[in-house]
């Protein structure tokens, strides 16, 4: 699989965010895509396992002997990688994001025990 270099400066210019922020946004989206693909793969494999479930013991089962499982795995390997998809979505402007609002510390209020000093 060839490496696809990305011009991070151009990416940040297109989207009007800093380089580091662009990388973080794309990385978070890549994690989301990866988790979705992982769930989908596990669902396919569970369905396959239910269809081919037999009374064989674990010693008798050979994982490499299941051609359907190999076919599913190869299908998922041929898909574009999550990072590639995330960067593509980001550069095309298909991602929306927002910054977390920083919590502002509340001003300290004098406790009831402390009485304000009065000028007497």
Protein backbone atom coordinates (compact mmCIF):
# COMPACT_ATOMS: atom_id res chain seq x y z
CA UNK A 1 0.00 0.00 0.00
CA UNK A 2 1.61 3.28 -1.07
CA UNK A 3 1.97 6.20 1.30
CA UNK A 4 -0.03 9.27 0.34
CA UNK A 5 1.65 12.45 1.55
CA UNK A 6 -0.61 15.29 2.65
CA UNK A 7 0.25 18.97 2.51
CA UNK A 8 -0.85 19.97 6.01
CA UNK A 9 -0.28 23.66 5.34
CA UNK A 10 -2.66 23.58 2.37
CA UNK A 11 -5.16 21.62 4.42
CA UNK A 12 -5.14 24.21 7.18
CA UNK A 13 -5.42 27.08 4.69
CA UNK A 14 -8.46 25.51 3.01
CA UNK A 15 -10.28 25.09 6.28
CA UNK A 16 -9.11 28.21 8.14
CA UNK A 17 -7.82 26.31 11.16
CA UNK A 18 -4.31 25.72 12.40
CA UNK A 19 -2.26 22.73 11.32
CA UNK A 20 -2.47 21.02 14.69
CA UNK A 21 -6.19 21.61 14.98
CA UNK A 22 -6.72 20.18 11.49
CA UNK A 23 -4.77 17.06 12.42
CA UNK A 24 -6.74 16.59 15.65
CA UNK A 25 -10.07 17.01 13.85
CA UNK A 26 -9.11 14.48 11.17
CA UNK A 27 -7.76 12.04 13.77
CA UNK A 28 -10.98 12.16 15.80
CA UNK A 29 -13.04 11.54 12.66
CA UNK A 30 -10.74 8.65 11.70
CA UNK A 31 -11.40 7.06 15.11
CA UNK A 32 -15.15 7.38 14.54
CA UNK A 33 -14.88 5.77 11.10
CA UNK A 34 -12.66 2.98 12.48
CA UNK A 35 -15.14 2.21 15.26
CA UNK A 36 -18.03 2.06 12.76
CA UNK A 37 -16.08 -0.29 10.46
CA UNK A 38 -15.07 -2.47 13.41
CA UNK A 39 -18.69 -2.82 14.53
CA UNK A 40 -19.77 -3.68 10.98
CA UNK A 41 -17.01 -6.31 10.63
CA UNK A 42 -17.91 -7.90 13.96
CA UNK A 43 -21.58 -8.06 12.95
CA UNK A 44 -20.67 -9.81 9.69
CA UNK A 45 -18.42 -12.28 11.50
CA UNK A 46 -21.04 -12.99 14.19
CA UNK A 47 -23.65 -13.65 11.52
CA UNK A 48 -21.23 -15.97 9.75
CA UNK A 49 -20.40 -17.76 13.01
CA UNK A 50 -24.08 -18.33 13.74
CA UNK A 51 -24.61 -19.78 10.27
CA UNK A 52 -21.64 -22.12 10.45
CA UNK A 53 -21.87 -23.01 14.12
CA UNK A 54 -21.42 -26.73 14.68
CA UNK A 55 -20.83 -29.04 17.59
CA UNK A 56 -17.11 -29.29 16.86
CA UNK A 57 -14.68 -28.65 19.65
CA UNK A 58 -12.18 -25.80 19.45
CA UNK A 59 -9.34 -28.21 18.69
CA UNK A 60 -11.08 -29.50 15.60
CA UNK A 61 -11.88 -26.05 14.21
CA UNK A 62 -9.43 -24.53 11.77
CA UNK A 63 -9.85 -20.77 11.38
CA UNK A 64 -8.11 -20.63 8.02
CA UNK A 65 -10.41 -23.30 6.61
CA UNK A 66 -13.42 -20.97 6.53
CA UNK A 67 -13.47 -19.35 3.07
CA UNK A 68 -16.45 -17.10 3.90
CA UNK A 69 -14.58 -15.55 6.81
CA UNK A 70 -11.57 -14.97 4.58
CA UNK A 71 -13.78 -13.36 1.95
CA UNK A 72 -15.27 -10.94 4.50
CA UNK A 73 -11.86 -10.07 5.91
CA UNK A 74 -10.40 -9.41 2.46
CA UNK A 75 -13.39 -7.23 1.58
CA UNK A 76 -12.74 -5.06 4.63
CA UNK A 77 -9.00 -4.90 3.94
CA UNK A 78 -9.63 -3.52 0.43
CA UNK A 79 -11.60 -0.57 1.80
CA UNK A 80 -9.84 2.79 2.15
CA UNK A 81 -8.24 3.34 5.53
CA UNK A 82 -10.14 5.47 8.09
CA UNK A 83 -7.40 8.11 8.18
CA UNK A 84 -7.55 8.54 4.41
CA UNK A 85 -11.34 8.91 4.50
CA UNK A 86 -11.20 11.39 7.39
CA UNK A 87 -8.62 13.62 5.69
CA UNK A 88 -10.61 13.53 2.46
CA UNK A 89 -13.83 14.50 4.27
CA UNK A 90 -12.00 17.28 6.11
CA UNK A 91 -10.34 18.72 3.01
CA UNK A 92 -13.64 18.69 1.11
CA UNK A 93 -15.35 20.57 3.93
CA UNK A 94 -17.80 17.77 4.75
CA UNK A 95 -16.95 17.77 8.47
CA UNK A 96 -18.47 19.97 11.08
CA UNK A 97 -16.78 20.56 14.40
CA UNK A 98 -16.92 22.87 17.32
CA UNK A 99 -14.53 23.81 20.03
CA UNK A 100 -15.30 22.99 23.60
CA UNK A 101 -16.19 26.04 25.52
CA UNK A 102 -13.81 26.53 28.37
CA UNK A 103 -15.49 26.61 31.73
CA UNK A 104 -15.12 30.01 33.27
CA UNK A 105 -14.37 29.89 36.98
CA UNK A 106 -17.17 31.32 39.03
CA UNK A 107 -16.28 34.37 41.09
CA UNK A 108 -15.68 33.51 44.69
CA UNK A 109 -18.45 34.57 46.98
CA UNK A 110 -17.70 35.36 50.62
CA UNK A 111 -18.89 32.61 52.87
CA UNK A 112 -21.48 33.27 55.53
CA UNK A 113 -18.95 32.72 58.30
CA UNK A 114 -16.78 35.54 57.07
CA UNK A 115 -18.34 38.90 57.65
CA UNK A 116 -17.16 41.81 55.60
CA UNK A 117 -15.16 44.28 57.57
CA UNK A 118 -16.90 47.56 57.95
CA UNK A 119 -15.13 50.83 58.39
CA UNK A 120 -16.17 52.03 61.84
